[in-house]
Amino acid sequence: MKIEFVTDFVCPYCIVAKEAIKKVARDFDLDVEIETIPFELTVEPKERVDTYSDPVRREHYKVLEEPSRVLGLDAKFPPRVIPRPYSRLAFEGWHFAEENGKGDVYADAVYAAYFIDEQDIGEPDVLTAIAEKAGLDPTAFREALEQGTYTAKQKEAREYSRNVLGVSSVPTIYVDGKKIELESYMPEEVMKKLMERQAEQSSGGFFGCGEDGC
């Protein structure tokens, strides 16, 4: 089963959805390949948002508390990082990691750094430390960030998710090429949707982040 996972590292719904998918795969012994497709919620030079100080966002994030507990995530919704970082640089690092066989390990580490450790994943020093923990060469990684080695590639990836796939909110999930929408991120609901493998519109509303929002 191949899953295309359109995501942003600063989307709280994304970390929960991915953890739910991974738990389902383990619990039901599914052979699941998760492909990350980058989507930047806030594209530079747009002004960054302050999710930590926003009471409306805090109220919305309460829907994630129970799924997070079930999944064993010690995540902060929202994390105390003000303002919310741009994710372009983190995704450029992901392209480096992907080419070196560590894309998924690096992606999970970036989510954890932001939502669990409350680190600013827009900072090169933070990303370099994450890369080293993921088993990547920190010197080569830092050089790739500083030289903009993957800037064009990330721009293409961002335009692909927005303009080709037509994605407007994340997470957006495709199972074997078919888009699914989840009413919740409880593992049981994820299991149901994954096994159905079909496009389905949510009657209860889709939980996710739109551009500049979340």
N, C-alpha and C. Protein backbone atom coordinates (compact mmCIF):
# COMPACT_ATOMS: atom_id res chain seq x y z
N MET A 1 0.85 -1.19 0.00
CA MET A 1 0.00 0.00 0.00
C MET A 1 0.88 1.24 0.00
N LYS A 2 0.71 2.09 -0.99
CA LYS A 2 1.48 3.31 -1.06
C LYS A 2 0.63 4.49 -0.63
N ILE A 3 1.14 5.28 0.29
CA ILE A 3 0.44 6.45 0.79
C ILE A 3 1.24 7.70 0.43
N GLU A 4 0.61 8.61 -0.30
CA GLU A 4 1.20 9.92 -0.56
C GLU A 4 0.65 10.87 0.50
N PHE A 5 1.54 11.44 1.26
CA PHE A 5 1.18 12.22 2.44
C PHE A 5 1.59 13.67 2.22
N VAL A 6 0.62 14.50 1.84
CA VAL A 6 0.90 15.92 1.61
C VAL A 6 0.87 16.62 2.97
N THR A 7 1.95 17.27 3.33
CA THR A 7 2.11 17.70 4.71
C THR A 7 2.95 18.95 4.84
N ASP A 8 2.85 19.57 6.01
CA ASP A 8 3.80 20.60 6.41
C ASP A 8 4.27 20.24 7.81
N PHE A 9 5.55 20.44 8.07
CA PHE A 9 6.11 20.07 9.36
C PHE A 9 5.54 20.87 10.52
N VAL A 10 4.88 22.00 10.25
CA VAL A 10 4.31 22.81 11.33
C VAL A 10 2.80 22.61 11.47
N CYS A 11 2.25 21.61 10.78
CA CYS A 11 0.81 21.31 10.87
C CYS A 11 0.57 20.29 11.98
N PRO A 12 -0.16 20.65 13.05
CA PRO A 12 -0.37 19.72 14.16
C PRO A 12 -1.20 18.50 13.76
N TYR A 13 -2.12 18.69 12.82
CA TYR A 13 -2.94 17.57 12.38
C TYR A 13 -2.10 16.55 11.61
N CYS A 14 -1.02 17.02 10.99
CA CYS A 14 -0.17 16.14 10.19
C CYS A 14 0.61 15.16 11.05
N ILE A 15 1.18 15.64 12.16
CA ILE A 15 1.96 14.73 12.99
C ILE A 15 1.05 13.65 13.59
N VAL A 16 -0.18 14.04 13.95
CA VAL A 16 -1.11 13.06 14.51
C VAL A 16 -1.56 12.07 13.45
N ALA A 17 -1.87 12.56 12.26
CA ALA A 17 -2.32 11.68 11.19
C ALA A 17 -1.23 10.69 10.81
N LYS A 18 0.01 11.16 10.71
CA LYS A 18 1.09 10.25 10.33
C LYS A 18 1.33 9.20 11.39
N GLU A 19 1.29 9.60 12.65
CA GLU A 19 1.47 8.62 13.73
C GLU A 19 0.35 7.59 13.73
N ALA A 20 -0.87 8.04 13.41
CA ALA A 20 -2.00 7.11 13.35
C ALA A 20 -1.81 6.10 12.22
N ILE A 21 -1.34 6.57 11.07
CA ILE A 21 -1.09 5.67 9.95
C ILE A 21 -0.02 4.65 10.31
N LYS A 22 1.04 5.09 10.94
CA LYS A 22 2.11 4.18 11.32
C LYS A 22 1.65 3.15 12.35
N LYS A 23 0.80 3.59 13.28
CA LYS A 23 0.28 2.67 14.29
C LYS A 23 -0.61 1.61 13.65
N VAL A 24 -1.46 2.05 12.72
CA VAL A 24 -2.32 1.11 12.02
C VAL A 24 -1.49 0.09 11.25
N ALA A 25 -0.45 0.57 10.59
CA ALA A 25 0.42 -0.33 9.83
C ALA A 25 1.05 -1.38 10.73
N ARG A 26 1.49 -0.95 11.92
CA ARG A 26 2.09 -1.90 12.87
C ARG A 26 1.05 -2.88 13.41
N ASP A 27 -0.09 -2.35 13.83
CA ASP A 27 -1.11 -3.18 14.47
C ASP A 27 -1.67 -4.24 13.54
N PHE A 28 -1.79 -3.90 12.25
CA PHE A 28 -2.41 -4.81 11.31
C PHE A 28 -1.40 -5.42 10.32
N ASP A 29 -0.12 -5.25 10.64
CA ASP A 29 0.96 -5.84 9.85
C ASP A 29 0.80 -5.52 8.37
N LEU A 30 0.59 -4.22 8.08
CA LEU A 30 0.43 -3.76 6.71
C LEU A 30 1.77 -3.31 6.15
N ASP A 31 2.00 -3.60 4.91
CA ASP A 31 3.18 -3.12 4.21
C ASP A 31 2.86 -1.76 3.61
N VAL A 32 3.22 -0.71 4.33
CA VAL A 32 2.84 0.65 3.94
C VAL A 32 4.08 1.47 3.62
N GLU A 33 4.07 2.10 2.47
CA GLU A 33 5.12 3.04 2.09
C GLU A 33 4.53 4.44 2.13
N ILE A 34 5.10 5.31 2.96
CA ILE A 34 4.62 6.68 3.10
C ILE A 34 5.56 7.62 2.35
N GLU A 35 5.02 8.30 1.35
CA GLU A 35 5.80 9.26 0.57
C GLU A 35 5.42 10.68 0.99
N THR A 36 6.38 11.42 1.47
CA THR A 36 6.15 12.81 1.87
C THR A 36 6.06 13.70 0.64
N ILE A 37 5.02 14.54 0.60
CA ILE A 37 4.88 15.54 -0.44
C ILE A 37 4.79 16.90 0.25
N PRO A 38 5.79 17.77 0.06
CA PRO A 38 5.85 19.03 0.80
C PRO A 38 4.74 20.02 0.43
N PHE A 39 4.26 20.71 1.45
CA PHE A 39 3.30 21.79 1.29
C PHE A 39 3.63 22.83 2.36
N GLU A 40 3.98 24.02 1.96
CA GLU A 40 4.31 25.08 2.93
C GLU A 40 3.05 25.88 3.25
N LEU A 41 2.66 25.89 4.51
CA LEU A 41 1.46 26.64 4.91
C LEU A 41 1.66 28.14 4.72
N THR A 42 2.83 28.62 5.07
CA THR A 42 3.14 30.04 4.89
C THR A 42 4.37 30.14 4.01
N VAL A 43 4.19 30.70 2.84
CA VAL A 43 5.28 30.81 1.87
C VAL A 43 5.96 32.17 2.02
N GLU A 44 7.26 32.15 2.15
CA GLU A 44 8.00 33.41 2.24
C GLU A 44 7.75 34.28 1.01
N PRO A 45 7.61 35.58 1.16
CA PRO A 45 7.89 36.40 2.37
C PRO A 45 6.63 36.75 3.17
N LYS A 46 5.56 35.97 3.04
CA LYS A 46 4.37 36.27 3.83
C LYS A 46 4.72 36.30 5.32
N GLU A 47 4.01 37.14 6.03
CA GLU A 47 4.26 37.27 7.46
C GLU A 47 3.93 35.97 8.18
N ARG A 48 4.81 35.57 9.09
CA ARG A 48 4.57 34.37 9.87
C ARG A 48 3.50 34.62 10.93
N VAL A 49 2.78 33.55 11.29
CA VAL A 49 1.69 33.68 12.24
C VAL A 49 2.13 33.23 13.63
N ASP A 50 1.44 33.72 14.63
CA ASP A 50 1.69 33.34 16.02
C ASP A 50 0.57 32.39 16.45
N THR A 51 0.82 31.10 16.35
CA THR A 51 -0.20 30.12 16.73
C THR A 51 -0.26 29.94 18.24
N TYR A 52 0.85 30.18 18.93
CA TYR A 52 0.91 29.93 20.37
C TYR A 52 -0.01 30.87 21.15
N SER A 53 -0.09 32.11 20.74
CA SER A 53 -0.85 33.12 21.48
C SER A 53 -2.29 33.25 21.02
N ASP A 54 -2.72 32.41 20.09
CA ASP A 54 -4.06 32.52 19.50
C ASP A 54 -5.05 31.61 20.22
N PRO A 55 -6.00 32.18 21.00
CA PRO A 55 -6.95 31.35 21.74
C PRO A 55 -7.88 30.55 20.84
N VAL A 56 -8.17 31.05 19.66
CA VAL A 56 -9.03 30.32 18.73
C VAL A 56 -8.35 29.04 18.27
N ARG A 57 -7.08 29.16 17.91
CA ARG A 57 -6.34 27.97 17.49
C ARG A 57 -6.24 26.97 18.64
N ARG A 58 -5.97 27.46 19.83
CA ARG A 58 -5.88 26.56 20.99
C ARG A 58 -7.16 25.75 21.17
N GLU A 59 -8.29 26.40 20.98
CA GLU A 59 -9.57 25.72 21.10
C GLU A 59 -9.73 24.66 20.01
N HIS A 60 -9.34 25.01 18.79
CA HIS A 60 -9.44 24.06 17.69
C HIS A 60 -8.56 22.84 17.92
N TYR A 61 -7.39 23.05 18.50
CA TYR A 61 -6.44 21.96 18.67
C TYR A 61 -6.89 20.93 19.71
N LYS A 62 -7.91 21.25 20.49
CA LYS A 62 -8.37 20.30 21.51
C LYS A 62 -8.85 18.99 20.90
N VAL A 63 -9.26 19.04 19.63
CA VAL A 63 -9.71 17.83 18.95
C VAL A 63 -8.56 16.82 18.82
N LEU A 64 -7.32 17.29 18.95
CA LEU A 64 -6.17 16.42 18.80
C LEU A 64 -5.73 15.77 20.11
N GLU A 65 -6.30 16.19 21.22
CA GLU A 65 -5.83 15.71 22.52
C GLU A 65 -6.03 14.21 22.70
N GLU A 66 -7.23 13.71 22.41
CA GLU A 66 -7.50 12.29 22.60
C GLU A 66 -6.71 11.41 21.63
N PRO A 67 -6.68 11.73 20.33
CA PRO A 67 -5.84 10.94 19.43
C PRO A 67 -4.37 10.94 19.85
N SER A 68 -3.87 12.08 20.32
CA SER A 68 -2.48 12.16 20.74
C SER A 68 -2.23 11.25 21.94
N ARG A 69 -3.17 11.24 22.86
CA ARG A 69 -3.03 10.37 24.04
C ARG A 69 -2.99 8.91 23.62
N VAL A 70 -3.91 8.52 22.74
CA VAL A 70 -3.97 7.13 22.28
C VAL A 70 -2.67 6.73 21.59
N LEU A 71 -2.10 7.66 20.84
CA LEU A 71 -0.89 7.37 20.06
C LEU A 71 0.39 7.52 20.88
N GLY A 72 0.27 7.99 22.11
CA GLY A 72 1.45 8.14 22.95
C GLY A 72 2.33 9.32 22.58
N LEU A 73 1.73 10.33 21.98
CA LEU A 73 2.47 11.53 21.58
C LEU A 73 2.49 12.54 22.70
N ASP A 74 3.66 12.96 23.10
CA ASP A 74 3.78 14.01 24.12
C ASP A 74 3.94 15.36 23.41
N ALA A 75 2.98 15.66 22.55
CA ALA A 75 3.10 16.85 21.70
C ALA A 75 2.40 18.05 22.34
N LYS A 76 2.90 19.23 22.00
CA LYS A 76 2.29 20.48 22.46
C LYS A 76 1.50 21.08 21.31
N PHE A 77 0.25 21.35 21.54
CA PHE A 77 -0.62 21.93 20.52
C PHE A 77 -1.22 23.23 21.04
N PRO A 78 -0.65 24.36 20.69
CA PRO A 78 0.51 24.57 19.82
C PRO A 78 1.81 24.59 20.61
N PRO A 79 2.95 24.36 19.95
CA PRO A 79 4.24 24.50 20.64
C PRO A 79 4.57 25.97 20.87
N ARG A 80 5.40 26.21 21.87
CA ARG A 80 5.79 27.59 22.19
C ARG A 80 6.97 28.00 21.32
N VAL A 81 6.66 28.27 20.06
CA VAL A 81 7.65 28.79 19.11
C VAL A 81 6.97 29.96 18.42
N ILE A 82 7.45 31.17 18.71
CA ILE A 82 6.79 32.40 18.24
C ILE A 82 7.77 33.23 17.42
N PRO A 83 7.36 33.57 16.17
CA PRO A 83 6.18 33.10 15.46
C PRO A 83 6.39 31.69 14.91
N ARG A 84 5.37 31.10 14.32
CA ARG A 84 5.52 29.78 13.72
C ARG A 84 6.55 29.86 12.60
N PRO A 85 7.50 28.93 12.54
CA PRO A 85 8.58 29.02 11.54
C PRO A 85 8.08 28.81 10.11
N TYR A 86 8.79 29.40 9.18
CA TYR A 86 8.67 28.97 7.79
C TYR A 86 9.20 27.54 7.72
N SER A 87 8.67 26.76 6.81
CA SER A 87 9.12 25.36 6.72
C SER A 87 9.96 25.08 5.47
N ARG A 88 10.21 26.11 4.65
CA ARG A 88 10.97 25.88 3.42
C ARG A 88 12.32 25.24 3.68
N LEU A 89 13.06 25.78 4.63
CA LEU A 89 14.40 25.28 4.89
C LEU A 89 14.36 23.85 5.42
N ALA A 90 13.39 23.57 6.26
CA ALA A 90 13.24 22.20 6.78
C ALA A 90 12.97 21.22 5.65
N PHE A 91 12.18 21.65 4.66
CA PHE A 91 11.91 20.78 3.52
C PHE A 91 13.13 20.65 2.61
N GLU A 92 13.91 21.71 2.48
CA GLU A 92 15.14 21.58 1.72
C GLU A 92 16.04 20.54 2.37
N GLY A 93 16.07 20.55 3.69
CA GLY A 93 16.81 19.52 4.41
C GLY A 93 16.23 18.13 4.18
N TRP A 94 14.90 18.07 4.07
CA TRP A 94 14.27 16.77 3.80
C TRP A 94 14.69 16.23 2.44
N HIS A 95 14.79 17.08 1.43
CA HIS A 95 15.24 16.61 0.12
C HIS A 95 16.65 16.02 0.21
N PHE A 96 17.52 16.67 0.99
CA PHE A 96 18.86 16.12 1.21
C PHE A 96 18.76 14.76 1.88
N ALA A 97 17.94 14.67 2.92
CA ALA A 97 17.79 13.41 3.65
C ALA A 97 17.22 12.32 2.75
N GLU A 98 16.25 12.68 1.93
CA GLU A 98 15.62 11.72 1.03
C GLU A 98 16.65 11.15 0.05
N GLU A 99 17.48 11.99 -0.48
CA GLU A 99 18.50 11.53 -1.43
C GLU A 99 19.55 10.65 -0.76
N ASN A 100 19.64 10.75 0.56
CA ASN A 100 20.61 9.94 1.31
C ASN A 100 19.95 8.81 2.08
N GLY A 101 18.71 8.48 1.70
CA GLY A 101 18.05 7.31 2.29
C GLY A 101 17.51 7.50 3.69
N LYS A 102 17.37 8.75 4.14
CA LYS A 102 16.91 9.02 5.51
C LYS A 102 15.71 9.96 5.54
N GLY A 103 14.97 10.04 4.44
CA GLY A 103 13.89 11.02 4.36
C GLY A 103 12.85 10.87 5.44
N ASP A 104 12.36 9.65 5.66
CA ASP A 104 11.29 9.46 6.64
C ASP A 104 11.80 9.63 8.07
N VAL A 105 13.01 9.17 8.32
CA VAL A 105 13.61 9.33 9.65
C VAL A 105 13.77 10.82 9.97
N TYR A 106 14.27 11.55 9.01
CA TYR A 106 14.45 13.00 9.18
C TYR A 106 13.11 13.69 9.37
N ALA A 107 12.12 13.34 8.56
CA ALA A 107 10.80 13.98 8.67
C ALA A 107 10.21 13.77 10.06
N ASP A 108 10.26 12.55 10.56
CA ASP A 108 9.72 12.28 11.90
C ASP A 108 10.47 13.07 12.96
N ALA A 109 11.78 13.23 12.77
CA ALA A 109 12.58 13.98 13.74
C ALA A 109 12.25 15.47 13.71
N VAL A 110 11.91 15.99 12.53
CA VAL A 110 11.53 17.40 12.43
C VAL A 110 10.20 17.64 13.13
N TYR A 111 9.21 16.77 12.89
CA TYR A 111 7.93 16.88 13.60
C TYR A 111 8.17 16.89 15.11
N ALA A 112 8.97 15.94 15.58
CA ALA A 112 9.21 15.81 17.02
C ALA A 112 9.93 17.03 17.57
N ALA A 113 10.90 17.55 16.83
CA ALA A 113 11.63 18.72 17.31
C ALA A 113 10.70 19.90 17.51
N TYR A 114 9.76 20.06 16.60
CA TYR A 114 8.85 21.21 16.70
C TYR A 114 7.75 20.99 17.73
N PHE A 115 7.03 19.89 17.61
CA PHE A 115 5.84 19.70 18.45
C PHE A 115 6.13 19.13 19.83
N ILE A 116 7.22 18.40 19.99
CA ILE A 116 7.52 17.81 21.29
C ILE A 116 8.58 18.63 22.03
N ASP A 117 9.68 18.96 21.32
CA ASP A 117 10.77 19.69 21.96
C ASP A 117 10.64 21.20 21.84
N GLU A 118 9.65 21.66 21.08
CA GLU A 118 9.38 23.09 20.90
C GLU A 118 10.61 23.85 20.40
N GLN A 119 11.22 23.33 19.36
CA GLN A 119 12.37 23.96 18.75
C GLN A 119 11.96 24.68 17.47
N ASP A 120 12.70 25.72 17.14
CA ASP A 120 12.43 26.51 15.93
C ASP A 120 13.05 25.80 14.73
N ILE A 121 12.22 25.08 13.98
CA ILE A 121 12.73 24.30 12.85
C ILE A 121 12.97 25.16 11.61
N GLY A 122 12.90 26.45 11.77
CA GLY A 122 13.30 27.35 10.69
C GLY A 122 14.76 27.75 10.79
N GLU A 123 15.42 27.32 11.88
CA GLU A 123 16.81 27.71 12.13
C GLU A 123 17.78 26.64 11.63
N PRO A 124 18.79 27.03 10.85
CA PRO A 124 19.75 26.06 10.32
C PRO A 124 20.45 25.22 11.39
N ASP A 125 20.78 25.84 12.54
CA ASP A 125 21.46 25.09 13.60
C ASP A 125 20.58 23.96 14.12
N VAL A 126 19.30 24.26 14.30
CA VAL A 126 18.35 23.24 14.78
C VAL A 126 18.22 22.11 13.77
N LEU A 127 18.09 22.48 12.50
CA LEU A 127 17.92 21.47 11.46
C LEU A 127 19.18 20.62 11.30
N THR A 128 20.33 21.23 11.44
CA THR A 128 21.58 20.47 11.32
C THR A 128 21.70 19.45 12.44
N ALA A 129 21.30 19.84 13.65
CA ALA A 129 21.33 18.90 14.78
C ALA A 129 20.34 17.75 14.54
N ILE A 130 19.18 18.07 13.99
CA ILE A 130 18.19 17.04 13.67
C ILE A 130 18.77 16.07 12.63
N ALA A 131 19.40 16.62 11.62
CA ALA A 131 19.99 15.79 10.56
C ALA A 131 21.04 14.84 11.12
N GLU A 132 21.88 15.35 12.00
CA GLU A 132 22.92 14.50 12.59
C GLU A 132 22.30 13.37 13.40
N LYS A 133 21.26 13.66 14.16
CA LYS A 133 20.57 12.61 14.93
C LYS A 133 19.92 11.59 14.01
N ALA A 134 19.54 12.04 12.81
CA ALA A 134 18.91 11.13 11.85
C ALA A 134 19.93 10.29 11.09
N GLY A 135 21.21 10.49 11.39
CA GLY A 135 22.25 9.69 10.76
C GLY A 135 22.83 10.29 9.51
N LEU A 136 22.63 11.59 9.31
CA LEU A 136 23.15 12.27 8.13
C LEU A 136 24.44 13.01 8.45
N ASP A 137 25.22 13.27 7.42
CA ASP A 137 26.46 14.02 7.58
C ASP A 137 26.11 15.48 7.85
N PRO A 138 26.37 15.97 9.07
CA PRO A 138 25.94 17.34 9.40
C PRO A 138 26.65 18.41 8.58
N THR A 139 27.91 18.18 8.23
CA THR A 139 28.65 19.18 7.45
C THR A 139 28.08 19.31 6.05
N ALA A 140 27.83 18.17 5.40
CA ALA A 140 27.26 18.18 4.04
C ALA A 140 25.84 18.72 4.07
N PHE A 141 25.11 18.39 5.11
CA PHE A 141 23.74 18.88 5.25
C PHE A 141 23.72 20.40 5.37
N ARG A 142 24.57 20.93 6.24
CA ARG A 142 24.61 22.38 6.46
C ARG A 142 25.04 23.11 5.19
N GLU A 143 25.99 22.55 4.48
CA GLU A 143 26.43 23.16 3.22
C GLU A 143 25.29 23.20 2.21
N ALA A 144 24.50 22.14 2.17
CA ALA A 144 23.37 22.11 1.23
C ALA A 144 22.36 23.20 1.56
N LEU A 145 22.13 23.44 2.85
CA LEU A 145 21.21 24.50 3.25
C LEU A 145 21.78 25.87 2.89
N GLU A 146 23.05 26.09 3.21
CA GLU A 146 23.66 27.39 2.99
C GLU A 146 23.81 27.72 1.51
N GLN A 147 24.04 26.71 0.70
CA GLN A 147 24.25 26.93 -0.73
C GLN A 147 22.95 26.88 -1.53
N GLY A 148 21.85 26.58 -0.85
CA GLY A 148 20.57 26.52 -1.54
C GLY A 148 20.49 25.40 -2.56
N THR A 149 21.15 24.29 -2.26
CA THR A 149 21.22 23.16 -3.19
C THR A 149 19.84 22.65 -3.59
N TYR A 150 18.92 22.68 -2.65
CA TYR A 150 17.59 22.11 -2.90
C TYR A 150 16.48 23.16 -2.94
N THR A 151 16.86 24.42 -3.06
CA THR A 151 15.86 25.49 -3.09
C THR A 151 14.93 25.35 -4.29
N ALA A 152 15.49 25.14 -5.46
CA ALA A 152 14.67 24.99 -6.66
C ALA A 152 13.81 23.74 -6.59
N LYS A 153 14.39 22.67 -6.06
CA LYS A 153 13.65 21.41 -5.96
C LYS A 153 12.46 21.55 -5.01
N GLN A 154 12.66 22.27 -3.91
CA GLN A 154 11.55 22.48 -2.98
C GLN A 154 10.47 23.37 -3.59
N LYS A 155 10.88 24.36 -4.36
CA LYS A 155 9.89 25.21 -5.03
C LYS A 155 9.05 24.38 -6.00
N GLU A 156 9.67 23.48 -6.72
CA GLU A 156 8.94 22.60 -7.63
C GLU A 156 7.98 21.70 -6.86
N ALA A 157 8.43 21.18 -5.72
CA ALA A 157 7.59 20.30 -4.91
C ALA A 157 6.39 21.06 -4.37
N ARG A 158 6.63 22.29 -3.93
CA ARG A 158 5.54 23.12 -3.40
C ARG A 158 4.52 23.43 -4.50
N GLU A 159 5.00 23.75 -5.67
CA GLU A 159 4.10 24.06 -6.78
C GLU A 159 3.35 22.81 -7.24
N TYR A 160 3.99 21.64 -7.13
CA TYR A 160 3.32 20.39 -7.49
C TYR A 160 2.12 20.13 -6.58
N SER A 161 2.32 20.27 -5.28
CA SER A 161 1.23 19.99 -4.34
C SER A 161 0.09 20.99 -4.50
N ARG A 162 0.43 22.24 -4.74
CA ARG A 162 -0.60 23.28 -4.84
C ARG A 162 -1.27 23.32 -6.21
N ASN A 163 -0.46 23.29 -7.26
CA ASN A 163 -0.99 23.56 -8.59
C ASN A 163 -1.31 22.32 -9.41
N VAL A 164 -0.60 21.24 -9.17
CA VAL A 164 -0.87 20.00 -9.90
C VAL A 164 -1.89 19.15 -9.15
N LEU A 165 -1.60 18.88 -7.89
CA LEU A 165 -2.55 18.11 -7.09
C LEU A 165 -3.75 18.95 -6.67
N GLY A 166 -3.56 20.27 -6.62
CA GLY A 166 -4.66 21.15 -6.21
C GLY A 166 -4.96 21.11 -4.73
N VAL A 167 -3.95 20.80 -3.93
CA VAL A 167 -4.13 20.71 -2.49
C VAL A 167 -4.27 22.11 -1.89
N SER A 168 -5.23 22.25 -0.98
CA SER A 168 -5.42 23.54 -0.30
C SER A 168 -5.34 23.42 1.21
N SER A 169 -5.27 22.20 1.72
CA SER A 169 -5.14 21.99 3.16
C SER A 169 -4.37 20.71 3.41
N VAL A 170 -3.74 20.65 4.58
CA VAL A 170 -2.97 19.46 4.94
C VAL A 170 -3.39 18.97 6.32
N PRO A 171 -3.26 17.65 6.57
CA PRO A 171 -2.76 16.67 5.63
C PRO A 171 -3.78 16.33 4.54
N THR A 172 -3.29 16.09 3.35
CA THR A 172 -4.08 15.49 2.29
C THR A 172 -3.44 14.14 1.99
N ILE A 173 -4.25 13.11 1.95
CA ILE A 173 -3.72 11.75 1.89
C ILE A 173 -4.28 11.02 0.67
N TYR A 174 -3.37 10.39 -0.06
CA TYR A 174 -3.75 9.55 -1.19
C TYR A 174 -3.31 8.12 -0.91
N VAL A 175 -4.22 7.18 -1.05
CA VAL A 175 -3.90 5.78 -0.86
C VAL A 175 -3.98 5.09 -2.23
N ASP A 176 -2.84 4.57 -2.67
CA ASP A 176 -2.76 3.96 -4.01
C ASP A 176 -3.35 4.89 -5.07
N GLY A 177 -3.05 6.18 -4.93
CA GLY A 177 -3.46 7.16 -5.93
C GLY A 177 -4.84 7.75 -5.73
N LYS A 178 -5.58 7.27 -4.73
CA LYS A 178 -6.93 7.77 -4.50
C LYS A 178 -6.98 8.60 -3.22
N LYS A 179 -7.58 9.78 -3.32
CA LYS A 179 -7.64 10.69 -2.19
C LYS A 179 -8.66 10.22 -1.17
N ILE A 180 -8.26 10.29 0.11
CA ILE A 180 -9.20 9.97 1.18
C ILE A 180 -9.28 11.16 2.12
N GLU A 181 -10.37 11.26 2.84
CA GLU A 181 -10.52 12.30 3.84
C GLU A 181 -10.99 11.65 5.14
N LEU A 182 -10.43 12.10 6.24
CA LEU A 182 -10.69 11.47 7.52
C LEU A 182 -11.57 12.35 8.40
N GLU A 183 -12.58 11.71 9.02
CA GLU A 183 -13.41 12.45 9.96
C GLU A 183 -12.64 12.69 11.26
N SER A 184 -11.72 11.82 11.57
CA SER A 184 -10.91 11.96 12.78
C SER A 184 -9.59 11.27 12.55
N TYR A 185 -8.68 11.40 13.53
CA TYR A 185 -7.39 10.75 13.41
C TYR A 185 -7.25 9.62 14.42
N MET A 186 -8.36 9.11 14.93
CA MET A 186 -8.27 7.94 15.77
C MET A 186 -7.80 6.78 14.91
N PRO A 187 -6.93 5.92 15.44
CA PRO A 187 -6.41 4.81 14.64
C PRO A 187 -7.48 3.95 13.99
N GLU A 188 -8.61 3.74 14.68
CA GLU A 188 -9.67 2.92 14.10
C GLU A 188 -10.24 3.56 12.84
N GLU A 189 -10.37 4.88 12.85
CA GLU A 189 -10.89 5.58 11.69
C GLU A 189 -9.89 5.54 10.55
N VAL A 190 -8.62 5.69 10.88
CA VAL A 190 -7.59 5.59 9.85
C VAL A 190 -7.60 4.21 9.22
N MET A 191 -7.73 3.18 10.06
CA MET A 191 -7.77 1.82 9.55
C MET A 191 -8.93 1.64 8.57
N LYS A 192 -10.08 2.13 8.95
CA LYS A 192 -11.26 2.01 8.09
C LYS A 192 -11.01 2.65 6.74
N LYS A 193 -10.45 3.84 6.75
CA LYS A 193 -10.23 4.56 5.49
C LYS A 193 -9.15 3.90 4.65
N LEU A 194 -8.08 3.44 5.30
CA LEU A 194 -7.01 2.82 4.54
C LEU A 194 -7.50 1.54 3.86
N MET A 195 -8.31 0.78 4.55
CA MET A 195 -8.78 -0.47 3.99
C MET A 195 -9.81 -0.24 2.89
N GLU A 196 -10.53 0.85 2.99
CA GLU A 196 -11.50 1.14 1.92
C GLU A 196 -10.79 1.55 0.63
N ARG A 197 -9.68 2.28 0.78
CA ARG A 197 -8.87 2.71 -0.37
C ARG A 197 -9.71 3.43 -1.43
N GLN A 198 -10.52 4.31 -1.00
CA GLN A 198 -11.33 5.00 -2.00
C GLN A 198 -11.53 6.45 -1.59
N ALA A 199 -11.74 7.30 -2.59
CA ALA A 199 -12.01 8.71 -2.31
C ALA A 199 -13.35 8.81 -1.62
N GLU A 200 -13.42 9.68 -0.59
CA GLU A 200 -14.65 9.78 0.17
C GLU A 200 -14.72 11.17 0.80
N GLN A 201 -15.82 11.85 0.65
CA GLN A 201 -15.99 13.16 1.23
C GLN A 201 -16.49 13.03 2.66
N SER A 202 -15.90 13.83 3.53
CA SER A 202 -16.26 13.78 4.94
C SER A 202 -17.52 14.59 5.20
N SER A 203 -18.51 13.93 5.77
CA SER A 203 -19.74 14.64 6.11
C SER A 203 -19.60 15.43 7.40
N GLY A 204 -18.57 15.10 8.19
CA GLY A 204 -18.41 15.74 9.48
C GLY A 204 -17.40 16.87 9.46
N GLY A 205 -16.84 17.16 8.31
CA GLY A 205 -15.84 18.22 8.24
C GLY A 205 -14.44 17.66 8.32
N PHE A 206 -13.52 18.24 7.61
CA PHE A 206 -12.16 17.73 7.54
C PHE A 206 -11.26 18.51 8.49
N PHE A 207 -10.54 17.81 9.31
CA PHE A 207 -9.61 18.45 10.22
C PHE A 207 -8.29 18.66 9.50
N GLY A 208 -7.82 19.88 9.45
CA GLY A 208 -6.55 20.13 8.80
C GLY A 208 -6.21 21.60 8.79
N CYS A 209 -5.12 21.92 8.10
CA CYS A 209 -4.62 23.29 8.04
C CYS A 209 -4.72 23.83 6.64
N GLY A 210 -5.32 24.99 6.48
CA GLY A 210 -5.31 25.68 5.20
C GLY A 210 -4.18 26.68 5.16
N GLU A 211 -3.99 27.31 4.02
CA GLU A 211 -2.89 28.25 3.85
C GLU A 211 -2.91 29.34 4.91
N ASP A 212 -1.76 29.51 5.57
CA ASP A 212 -1.55 30.49 6.64
C ASP A 212 -2.35 30.18 7.90
N GLY A 213 -3.23 29.20 7.82
CA GLY A 213 -4.06 28.89 8.98
C GLY A 213 -3.55 27.68 9.72
N CYS A 214 -4.41 27.07 10.49
CA CYS A 214 -4.15 25.85 11.22
C CYS A 214 -4.77 25.96 12.60
